[in-house]
PDB file of N, CA and C in Angstrom:
ATOM      1  N   UNK A   1     -10.072 -40.112 -13.585  1.00  0.00           N
ATOM      2  CA  UNK A   1     -11.568 -39.734 -13.233  1.00  0.00           C
ATOM      3  C   UNK A   1     -11.613 -40.666 -11.556  1.00  0.00           C
ATOM      4  N   UNK A   2     -11.212 -42.180 -11.988  1.00  0.00           N
ATOM      5  CA  UNK A   2     -11.329 -43.369 -10.916  1.00  0.00           C
ATOM      6  C   UNK A   2     -10.242 -42.460  -9.878  1.00  0.00           C
ATOM      7  N   UNK A   3      -8.848 -41.548 -10.243  1.00  0.00           N
ATOM      8  CA  UNK A   3      -8.283 -41.433  -9.058  1.00  0.00           C
ATOM      9  C   UNK A   3      -9.013 -39.692  -8.290  1.00  0.00           C
ATOM     10  N   UNK A   4      -9.429 -38.997  -9.087  1.00  0.00           N
ATOM     11  CA  UNK A   4     -10.720 -38.038  -8.702  1.00  0.00           C
ATOM     12  C   UNK A   4     -11.708 -38.597  -7.441  1.00  0.00           C
ATOM     13  N   UNK A   5     -12.407 -39.784  -8.011  1.00  0.00           N
ATOM     14  CA  UNK A   5     -13.586 -40.594  -7.095  1.00  0.00           C
ATOM     15  C   UNK A   5     -12.620 -41.009  -5.859  1.00  0.00           C
ATOM     16  N   UNK A   6     -11.886 -41.533  -5.730  1.00  0.00           N
ATOM     17  CA  UNK A   6     -11.083 -42.157  -4.663  1.00  0.00           C
ATOM     18  C   UNK A   6     -10.423 -40.909  -3.669  1.00  0.00           C
ATOM     19  N   UNK A   7      -9.663 -39.659  -5.069  1.00  0.00           N
ATOM     20  CA  UNK A   7      -9.423 -38.540  -3.551  1.00  0.00           C
ATOM     21  C   UNK A   7     -10.776 -38.175  -2.776  1.00  0.00           C
ATOM     22  N   UNK A   8     -11.707 -38.138  -3.373  1.00  0.00           N
ATOM     23  CA  UNK A   8     -13.085 -37.588  -2.694  1.00  0.00           C
ATOM     24  C   UNK A   8     -13.469 -38.058  -1.958  1.00  0.00           C
ATOM     25  N   UNK A   9     -13.513 -39.272  -2.204  1.00  0.00           N
ATOM     26  CA  UNK A   9     -14.499 -40.444  -0.965  1.00  0.00           C
ATOM     27  C   UNK A   9     -13.514 -40.813   0.213  1.00  0.00           C
ATOM     28  N   UNK A  10     -11.744 -41.047   0.002  1.00  0.00           N
ATOM     29  CA  UNK A  10     -11.238 -41.339   0.538  1.00  0.00           C
ATOM     30  C   UNK A  10      -9.885 -40.947   1.259  1.00  0.00           C
ATOM     31  N   UNK A  11      -9.671 -39.629   0.261  1.00  0.00           N
ATOM     32  CA  UNK A  11      -8.582 -38.640   0.776  1.00  0.00           C
ATOM     33  C   UNK A  11      -9.004 -37.066   0.691  1.00  0.00           C
ATOM     34  N   UNK A  12     -10.352 -36.650   1.617  1.00  0.00           N
ATOM     35  CA  UNK A  12     -10.770 -35.353   1.005  1.00  0.00           C
ATOM     36  C   UNK A  12     -10.119 -34.282   1.370  1.00  0.00           C
ATOM     37  N   UNK A  13      -9.387 -34.180   2.629  1.00  0.00           N
ATOM     38  CA  UNK A  13      -8.391 -33.148   2.611  1.00  0.00           C
ATOM     39  C   UNK A  13      -7.675 -32.727   1.668  1.00  0.00           C
ATOM     40  N   UNK A  14      -7.160 -33.729   0.853  1.00  0.00           N
ATOM     41  CA  UNK A  14      -5.867 -33.963  -0.094  1.00  0.00           C
ATOM     42  C   UNK A  14      -6.643 -32.903  -1.421  1.00  0.00           C
ATOM     43  N   UNK A  15      -7.865 -33.778  -1.528  1.00  0.00           N
ATOM     44  CA  UNK A  15      -8.594 -33.307  -2.643  1.00  0.00           C
ATOM     45  C   UNK A  15      -9.194 -31.774  -2.750  1.00  0.00           C
ATOM     46  N   UNK A  16      -9.616 -31.660  -1.136  1.00  0.00           N
ATOM     47  CA  UNK A  16     -10.464 -29.748  -1.385  1.00  0.00           C
ATOM     48  C   UNK A  16      -8.887 -28.907  -1.035  1.00  0.00           C
ATOM     49  N   UNK A  17      -7.502 -29.631  -0.644  1.00  0.00           N
ATOM     50  CA  UNK A  17      -6.810 -28.866  -0.698  1.00  0.00           C
ATOM     51  C   UNK A  17      -6.093 -28.331  -2.141  1.00  0.00           C
ATOM     52  N   UNK A  18      -6.075 -29.684  -2.886  1.00  0.00           N
ATOM     53  CA  UNK A  18      -6.297 -29.146  -4.588  1.00  0.00           C
ATOM     54  C   UNK A  18      -6.937 -28.554  -5.448  1.00  0.00           C
ATOM     55  N   UNK A  19      -8.359 -28.661  -4.939  1.00  0.00           N
ATOM     56  CA  UNK A  19      -9.252 -28.052  -5.447  1.00  0.00           C
ATOM     57  C   UNK A  19      -9.115 -26.450  -5.246  1.00  0.00           C
ATOM     58  N   UNK A  20      -9.396 -25.906  -3.818  1.00  0.00           N
ATOM     59  CA  UNK A  20      -9.287 -24.886  -3.543  1.00  0.00           C
ATOM     60  C   UNK A  20      -8.037 -23.954  -3.713  1.00  0.00           C
ATOM     61  N   UNK A  21      -6.935 -24.735  -4.355  1.00  0.00           N
ATOM     62  CA  UNK A  21      -5.734 -24.240  -4.674  1.00  0.00           C
ATOM     63  C   UNK A  21      -5.237 -23.790  -6.256  1.00  0.00           C
ATOM     64  N   UNK A  22      -6.663 -24.439  -6.801  1.00  0.00           N
ATOM     65  CA  UNK A  22      -6.701 -24.581  -8.477  1.00  0.00           C
ATOM     66  C   UNK A  22      -5.706 -25.563  -8.992  1.00  0.00           C
ATOM     67  N   UNK A  23      -5.385 -26.548  -8.057  1.00  0.00           N
ATOM     68  CA  UNK A  23      -4.260 -27.297  -8.903  1.00  0.00           C
ATOM     69  C   UNK A  23      -4.631 -28.989  -8.976  1.00  0.00           C
ATOM     70  N   UNK A  24      -5.834 -28.766  -8.513  1.00  0.00           N
ATOM     71  CA  UNK A  24      -6.565 -30.457  -8.864  1.00  0.00           C
ATOM     72  C   UNK A  24      -6.475 -30.862 -10.219  1.00  0.00           C
ATOM     73  N   UNK A  25      -6.890 -29.986 -11.422  1.00  0.00           N
ATOM     74  CA  UNK A  25      -6.791 -30.714 -12.591  1.00  0.00           C
ATOM     75  C   UNK A  25      -5.376 -30.933 -13.136  1.00  0.00           C
ATOM     76  N   UNK A  26      -4.309 -29.745 -12.798  1.00  0.00           N
ATOM     77  CA  UNK A  26      -2.880 -30.056 -13.123  1.00  0.00           C
ATOM     78  C   UNK A  26      -2.800 -31.407 -12.374  1.00  0.00           C
ATOM     79  N   UNK A  27      -3.044 -31.502 -11.173  1.00  0.00           N
ATOM     80  CA  UNK A  27      -2.798 -33.036 -10.320  1.00  0.00           C
ATOM     81  C   UNK A  27      -3.015 -34.177 -11.359  1.00  0.00           C
ATOM     82  N   UNK A  28      -4.103 -34.215 -11.481  1.00  0.00           N
ATOM     83  CA  UNK A  28      -4.810 -35.240 -12.020  1.00  0.00           C
ATOM     84  C   UNK A  28      -4.610 -35.447 -13.886  1.00  0.00           C
ATOM     85  N   UNK A  29      -3.977 -34.589 -13.915  1.00  0.00           N
ATOM     86  CA  UNK A  29      -3.741 -34.917 -15.368  1.00  0.00           C
ATOM     87  C   UNK A  29      -2.592 -35.312 -15.416  1.00  0.00           C
ATOM     88  N   UNK A  30      -1.426 -34.935 -14.587  1.00  0.00           N
ATOM     89  CA  UNK A  30      -0.138 -35.800 -14.128  1.00  0.00           C
ATOM     90  C   UNK A  30      -0.420 -37.229 -13.891  1.00  0.00           C
ATOM     91  N   UNK A  31      -1.176 -37.351 -13.061  1.00  0.00           N
ATOM     92  CA  UNK A  31      -2.114 -38.702 -12.418  1.00  0.00           C
ATOM     93  C   UNK A  31      -2.071 -39.685 -13.481  1.00  0.00           C
ATOM     94  N   UNK A  32      -2.966 -39.247 -14.515  1.00  0.00           N
ATOM     95  CA  UNK A  32      -3.166 -39.548 -15.375  1.00  0.00           C
ATOM     96  C   UNK A  32      -2.267 -40.492 -16.609  1.00  0.00           C
ATOM     97  N   UNK A  33      -1.112 -39.007 -16.775  1.00  0.00           N
ATOM     98  CA  UNK A  33      -0.395 -39.346 -17.762  1.00  0.00           C
ATOM     99  C   UNK A  33       0.665 -40.893 -17.222  1.00  0.00           C
ATOM    100  N   UNK A  34       0.812 -40.444 -15.960  1.00  0.00           N
ATOM    101  CA  UNK A  34       1.718 -41.399 -15.119  1.00  0.00           C
ATOM    102  C   UNK A  34       1.294 -43.039 -15.387  1.00  0.00           C
ATOM    103  N   UNK A  35      -0.383 -43.160 -15.127  1.00  0.00           N
ATOM    104  CA  UNK A  35      -0.919 -43.863 -15.417  1.00  0.00           C
ATOM    105  C   UNK A  35      -0.883 -44.720 -16.918  1.00  0.00           C
ATOM    106  N   UNK A  36      -0.871 -43.930 -17.493  1.00  0.00           N
ATOM    107  CA  UNK A  36      -1.211 -44.289 -19.352  1.00  0.00           C
ATOM    108  C   UNK A  36       0.192 -44.907 -19.256  1.00  0.00           C
ATOM    109  N   UNK A  37       1.291 -43.578 -18.993  1.00  0.00           N
ATOM    110  CA  UNK A  37       2.524 -44.434 -19.619  1.00  0.00           C
ATOM    111  C   UNK A  37       3.126 -45.796 -18.574  1.00  0.00           C
ATOM    112  N   UNK A  38       2.705 -46.349 -17.165  1.00  0.00           N
ATOM    113  CA  UNK A  38       3.060 -47.331 -16.573  1.00  0.00           C
ATOM    114  C   UNK A  38       2.190 -48.473 -17.549  1.00  0.00           C
ATOM    115  N   UNK A  39       0.568 -48.444 -17.490  1.00  0.00           N
ATOM    116  CA  UNK A  39      -0.097 -49.154 -18.400  1.00  0.00           C
ATOM    117  C   UNK A  39       0.666 -49.636 -19.529  1.00  0.00           C
ATOM    118  N   UNK A  40       1.243 -48.868 -20.473  1.00  0.00           N
ATOM    119  CA  UNK A  40       2.059 -48.815 -22.043  1.00  0.00           C
ATOM    120  C   UNK A  40       3.383 -50.186 -21.301  1.00  0.00           C
ATOM    121  N   UNK A  41       4.052 -49.422 -20.832  1.00  0.00           N
ATOM    122  CA  UNK A  41       5.169 -49.981 -20.325  1.00  0.00           C
ATOM    123  C   UNK A  41       4.954 -51.743 -19.512  1.00  0.00           C
ATOM    124  N   UNK A  42       3.483 -51.610 -19.021  1.00  0.00           N
ATOM    125  CA  UNK A  42       3.630 -53.080 -18.192  1.00  0.00           C
ATOM    126  C   UNK A  42       2.840 -54.051 -19.308  1.00  0.00           C
ATOM    127  N   UNK A  43       2.162 -53.333 -20.474  1.00  0.00           N
ATOM    128  CA  UNK A  43       1.706 -54.355 -21.261  1.00  0.00           C
ATOM    129  C   UNK A  43       2.875 -55.253 -21.885  1.00  0.00           C
ATOM    130  N   UNK A  44       3.378 -53.917 -22.797  1.00  0.00           N
ATOM    131  CA  UNK A  44       4.694 -54.267 -23.561  1.00  0.00           C
ATOM    132  C   UNK A  44       5.722 -55.053 -22.498  1.00  0.00           C
ATOM    133  N   UNK A  45       6.014 -55.219 -21.349  1.00  0.00           N
ATOM    134  CA  UNK A  45       6.956 -56.168 -20.737  1.00  0.00           C
ATOM    135  C   UNK A  45       6.225 -57.610 -20.567  1.00  0.00           C
ATOM    136  N   UNK A  46       5.048 -57.764 -19.997  1.00  0.00           N
ATOM    137  CA  UNK A  46       4.254 -58.770 -20.111  1.00  0.00           C
ATOM    138  C   UNK A  46       3.891 -59.302 -20.900  1.00  0.00           C
ATOM    139  N   UNK A  47       4.050 -58.710 -21.959  1.00  0.00           N
ATOM    140  CA  UNK A  47       3.606 -59.536 -23.583  1.00  0.00           C
ATOM    141  C   UNK A  47       5.139 -59.897 -24.446  1.00  0.00           C
ATOM    142  N   UNK A  48       6.230 -59.168 -24.029  1.00  0.00           N
ATOM    143  CA  UNK A  48       7.528 -59.758 -24.062  1.00  0.00           C
ATOM    144  C   UNK A  48       7.879 -61.043 -23.451  1.00  0.00           C
ATOM    145  N   UNK A  49       7.374 -60.709 -22.223  1.00  0.00           N
ATOM    146  CA  UNK A  49       7.878 -62.309 -21.087  1.00  0.00           C
ATOM    147  C   UNK A  49       7.386 -63.654 -21.660  1.00  0.00           C
ATOM    148  N   UNK A  50       5.943 -63.085 -21.838  1.00  0.00           N
ATOM    149  CA  UNK A  50       5.261 -64.203 -22.243  1.00  0.00           C
ATOM    150  C   UNK A  50       4.985 -64.555 -23.750  1.00  0.00           C
ATOM    151  N   UNK A  51       5.906 -63.919 -24.339  1.00  0.00           N
ATOM    152  CA  UNK A  51       5.950 -64.285 -25.954  1.00  0.00           C
ATOM    153  C   UNK A  51       4.644 -64.067 -27.153  1.00  0.00           C
ATOM    154  N   UNK A  52       3.884 -62.893 -26.162  1.00  0.00           N
ATOM    155  CA  UNK A  52       2.626 -62.521 -27.190  1.00  0.00           C
ATOM    156  C   UNK A  52       2.562 -61.447 -27.959  1.00  0.00           C
ATOM    157  N   UNK A  53       3.127 -62.360 -29.250  1.00  0.00           N
ATOM    158  CA  UNK A  53       3.990 -61.245 -30.317  1.00  0.00           C
ATOM    159  C   UNK A  53       2.907 -61.522 -31.763  1.00  0.00           C
ATOM    160  N   UNK A  54       3.642 -60.598 -32.696  1.00  0.00           N
ATOM    161  CA  UNK A  54       2.737 -60.376 -33.541  1.00  0.00           C
ATOM    162  C   UNK A  54       2.667 -62.031 -35.081  1.00  0.00           C
ATOM    163  N   UNK A  55       3.562 -62.653 -34.249  1.00  0.00           N
ATOM    164  CA  UNK A  55       3.478 -64.006 -35.125  1.00  0.00           C
ATOM    165  C   UNK A  55       2.079 -64.935 -34.657  1.00  0.00           C
ATOM    166  N   UNK A  56       2.502 -64.758 -33.386  1.00  0.00           N
ATOM    167  CA  UNK A  56       1.192 -65.625 -32.403  1.00  0.00           C
ATOM    168  C   UNK A  56      -0.023 -65.015 -33.281  1.00  0.00           C
ATOM    169  N   UNK A  57      -0.171 -63.753 -32.998  1.00  0.00           N
ATOM    170  CA  UNK A  57      -1.237 -63.289 -33.647  1.00  0.00           C
ATOM    171  C   UNK A  57      -1.735 -63.376 -35.032  1.00  0.00           C
ATOM    172  N   UNK A  58      -0.709 -63.729 -36.193  1.00  0.00           N
ATOM    173  CA  UNK A  58      -0.515 -63.943 -37.162  1.00  0.00           C
ATOM    174  C   UNK A  58      -1.534 -65.759 -36.920  1.00  0.00           C
ATOM    175  N   UNK A  59      -1.143 -66.468 -35.978  1.00  0.00           N
ATOM    176  CA  UNK A  59      -1.143 -67.894 -36.307  1.00  0.00           C
ATOM    177  C   UNK A  59      -2.579 -68.182 -35.985  1.00  0.00           C
ATOM    178  N   UNK A  60      -2.816 -67.783 -34.407  1.00  0.00           N
ATOM    179  CA  UNK A  60      -3.684 -68.049 -33.611  1.00  0.00           C
ATOM    180  C   UNK A  60      -4.773 -66.253 -32.757  1.00  0.00           C
ATOM    181  N   UNK A  61      -5.454 -65.992 -33.572  1.00  0.00           N
ATOM    182  CA  UNK A  61      -5.792 -64.825 -33.469  1.00  0.00           C
ATOM    183  C   UNK A  61      -6.846 -64.997 -32.316  1.00  0.00           C
ATOM    184  N   UNK A  62      -7.419 -65.854 -32.207  1.00  0.00           N
ATOM    185  CA  UNK A  62      -8.408 -65.993 -30.731  1.00  0.00           C
ATOM    186  C   UNK A  62      -7.382 -66.059 -29.454  1.00  0.00           C
ATOM    187  N   UNK A  63      -6.488 -66.918 -29.640  1.00  0.00           N
ATOM    188  CA  UNK A  63      -5.224 -66.764 -28.272  1.00  0.00           C
ATOM    189  C   UNK A  63      -5.020 -65.916 -28.333  1.00  0.00           C
ATOM    190  N   UNK A  64      -4.450 -65.345 -29.256  1.00  0.00           N
ATOM    191  CA  UNK A  64      -3.484 -63.516 -28.946  1.00  0.00           C
ATOM    192  C   UNK A  64      -4.971 -62.591 -28.103  1.00  0.00           C
ATOM    193  N   UNK A  65      -5.625 -62.657 -28.580  1.00  0.00           N
ATOM    194  CA  UNK A  65      -6.377 -62.117 -28.187  1.00  0.00           C
ATOM    195  C   UNK A  65      -7.361 -62.103 -26.424  1.00  0.00           C
ATOM    196  N   UNK A  66      -6.798 -63.510 -26.471  1.00  0.00           N
ATOM    197  CA  UNK A  66      -7.497 -63.938 -24.625  1.00  0.00           C
ATOM    198  C   UNK A  66      -6.393 -63.287 -24.047  1.00  0.00           C
ATOM    199  N   UNK A  67      -4.609 -63.821 -24.949  1.00  0.00           N
ATOM    200  CA  UNK A  67      -3.758 -63.535 -24.238  1.00  0.00           C
ATOM    201  C   UNK A  67      -3.469 -62.051 -23.695  1.00  0.00           C
ATOM    202  N   UNK A  68      -3.799 -61.361 -24.991  1.00  0.00           N
ATOM    203  CA  UNK A  68      -3.867 -59.935 -24.237  1.00  0.00           C
ATOM    204  C   UNK A  68      -4.939 -59.469 -23.657  1.00  0.00           C
ATOM    205  N   UNK A  69      -6.023 -60.006 -23.487  1.00  0.00           N
ATOM    206  CA  UNK A  69      -7.025 -59.323 -23.202  1.00  0.00           C
ATOM    207  C   UNK A  69      -6.340 -59.640 -21.361  1.00  0.00           C
ATOM    208  N   UNK A  70      -5.872 -60.634 -20.832  1.00  0.00           N
ATOM    209  CA  UNK A  70      -5.501 -60.793 -19.510  1.00  0.00           C
ATOM    210  C   UNK A  70      -4.233 -60.334 -19.275  1.00  0.00           C
ATOM    211  N   UNK A  71      -3.259 -59.952 -20.173  1.00  0.00           N
ATOM    212  CA  UNK A  71      -2.669 -58.619 -19.768  1.00  0.00           C
ATOM    213  C   UNK A  71      -2.812 -57.224 -19.746  1.00  0.00           C
ATOM    214  N   UNK A  72      -3.673 -56.808 -20.139  1.00  0.00           N
ATOM    215  CA  UNK A  72      -4.341 -55.510 -20.089  1.00  0.00           C
ATOM    216  C   UNK A  72      -4.820 -55.543 -18.986  1.00  0.00           C
ATOM    217  N   UNK A  73      -5.577 -56.935 -18.331  1.00  0.00           N
ATOM    218  CA  UNK A  73      -6.791 -56.742 -16.639  1.00  0.00           C
ATOM    219  C   UNK A  73      -5.227 -56.388 -15.950  1.00  0.00           C
ATOM    220  N   UNK A  74      -4.283 -57.329 -16.088  1.00  0.00           N
ATOM    221  CA  UNK A  74      -3.073 -57.127 -14.564  1.00  0.00           C
ATOM    222  C   UNK A  74      -2.494 -55.946 -14.961  1.00  0.00           C
ATOM    223  N   UNK A  75      -2.335 -55.689 -16.127  1.00  0.00           N
ATOM    224  CA  UNK A  75      -1.477 -54.706 -16.176  1.00  0.00           C
ATOM    225  C   UNK A  75      -2.630 -53.216 -15.498  1.00  0.00           C
ATOM    226  N   UNK A  76      -3.629 -53.415 -15.761  1.00  0.00           N
ATOM    227  CA  UNK A  76      -4.766 -52.419 -15.265  1.00  0.00           C
ATOM    228  C   UNK A  76      -4.860 -52.242 -13.861  1.00  0.00           C
ATOM    229  N   UNK A  77      -4.429 -53.575 -13.169  1.00  0.00           N
ATOM    230  CA  UNK A  77      -4.676 -54.174 -11.716  1.00  0.00           C
ATOM    231  C   UNK A  77      -3.300 -53.130 -11.363  1.00  0.00           C
ATOM    232  N   UNK A  78      -2.155 -53.457 -11.518  1.00  0.00           N
ATOM    233  CA  UNK A  78      -1.095 -52.882 -11.599  1.00  0.00           C
ATOM    234  C   UNK A  78      -1.056 -51.567 -11.025  1.00  0.00           C
ATOM    235  N   UNK A  79      -1.558 -50.870 -12.206  1.00  0.00           N
ATOM    236  CA  UNK A  79      -1.752 -49.431 -12.467  1.00  0.00           C
ATOM    237  C   UNK A  79      -2.932 -48.561 -11.178  1.00  0.00           C
ATOM    238  N   UNK A  80      -3.582 -49.608 -11.236  1.00  0.00           N
ATOM    239  CA  UNK A  80      -4.634 -48.980  -9.569  1.00  0.00           C
ATOM    240  C   UNK A  80      -3.880 -49.002  -8.928  1.00  0.00           C
ATOM    241  N   UNK A  81      -3.054 -50.064  -8.361  1.00  0.00           N
ATOM    242  CA  UNK A  81      -2.573 -50.427  -7.225  1.00  0.00           C
ATOM    243  C   UNK A  81      -1.335 -49.358  -7.031  1.00  0.00           C
ATOM    244  N   UNK A  82      -0.669 -48.968  -8.005  1.00  0.00           N
ATOM    245  CA  UNK A  82       0.618 -48.090  -7.709  1.00  0.00           C
ATOM    246  C   UNK A  82       0.116 -46.594  -8.195  1.00  0.00           C
ATOM    247  N   UNK A  83      -0.996 -45.722  -8.711  1.00  0.00           N
ATOM    248  CA  UNK A  83      -0.686 -44.984  -9.334  1.00  0.00           C
ATOM    249  C   UNK A  83      -2.588 -44.556  -8.629  1.00  0.00           C
ATOM    250  N   UNK A  84      -2.862 -45.306  -9.085  1.00  0.00           N
ATOM    251  CA  UNK A  84      -4.767 -44.497  -9.050  1.00  0.00           C
ATOM    252  C   UNK A  84      -5.248 -44.708  -7.747  1.00  0.00           C
ATOM    253  N   UNK A  85      -4.886 -45.675  -6.843  1.00  0.00           N
ATOM    254  CA  UNK A  85      -5.687 -45.396  -5.174  1.00  0.00           C
ATOM    255  C   UNK A  85      -4.418 -45.712  -4.307  1.00  0.00           C
ATOM    256  N   UNK A  86      -3.543 -44.900  -4.463  1.00  0.00           N
ATOM    257  CA  UNK A  86      -2.432 -43.926  -3.687  1.00  0.00           C
ATOM    258  C   UNK A  86      -2.623 -42.725  -3.088  1.00  0.00           C
TER     259      UNK A  86
END
């Protein structure tokens, strides 16, 4: 949905070309799939780098949640930059 809004407001020619050719929803589904895969890979990679593990979750749940929320925020920014707003 974010990419669709981005296309509609910033890349109107592409948006209307995809819409009129009937390819918009397939294109958006592909973007969504790529964004989801990138998000999951990024979260996993950062969590491994910063050693946010199940052991930490068992020892200190609040710290684990705080770190995971931070990681998810950074992963979302990464996905927005690389996939959604391009």
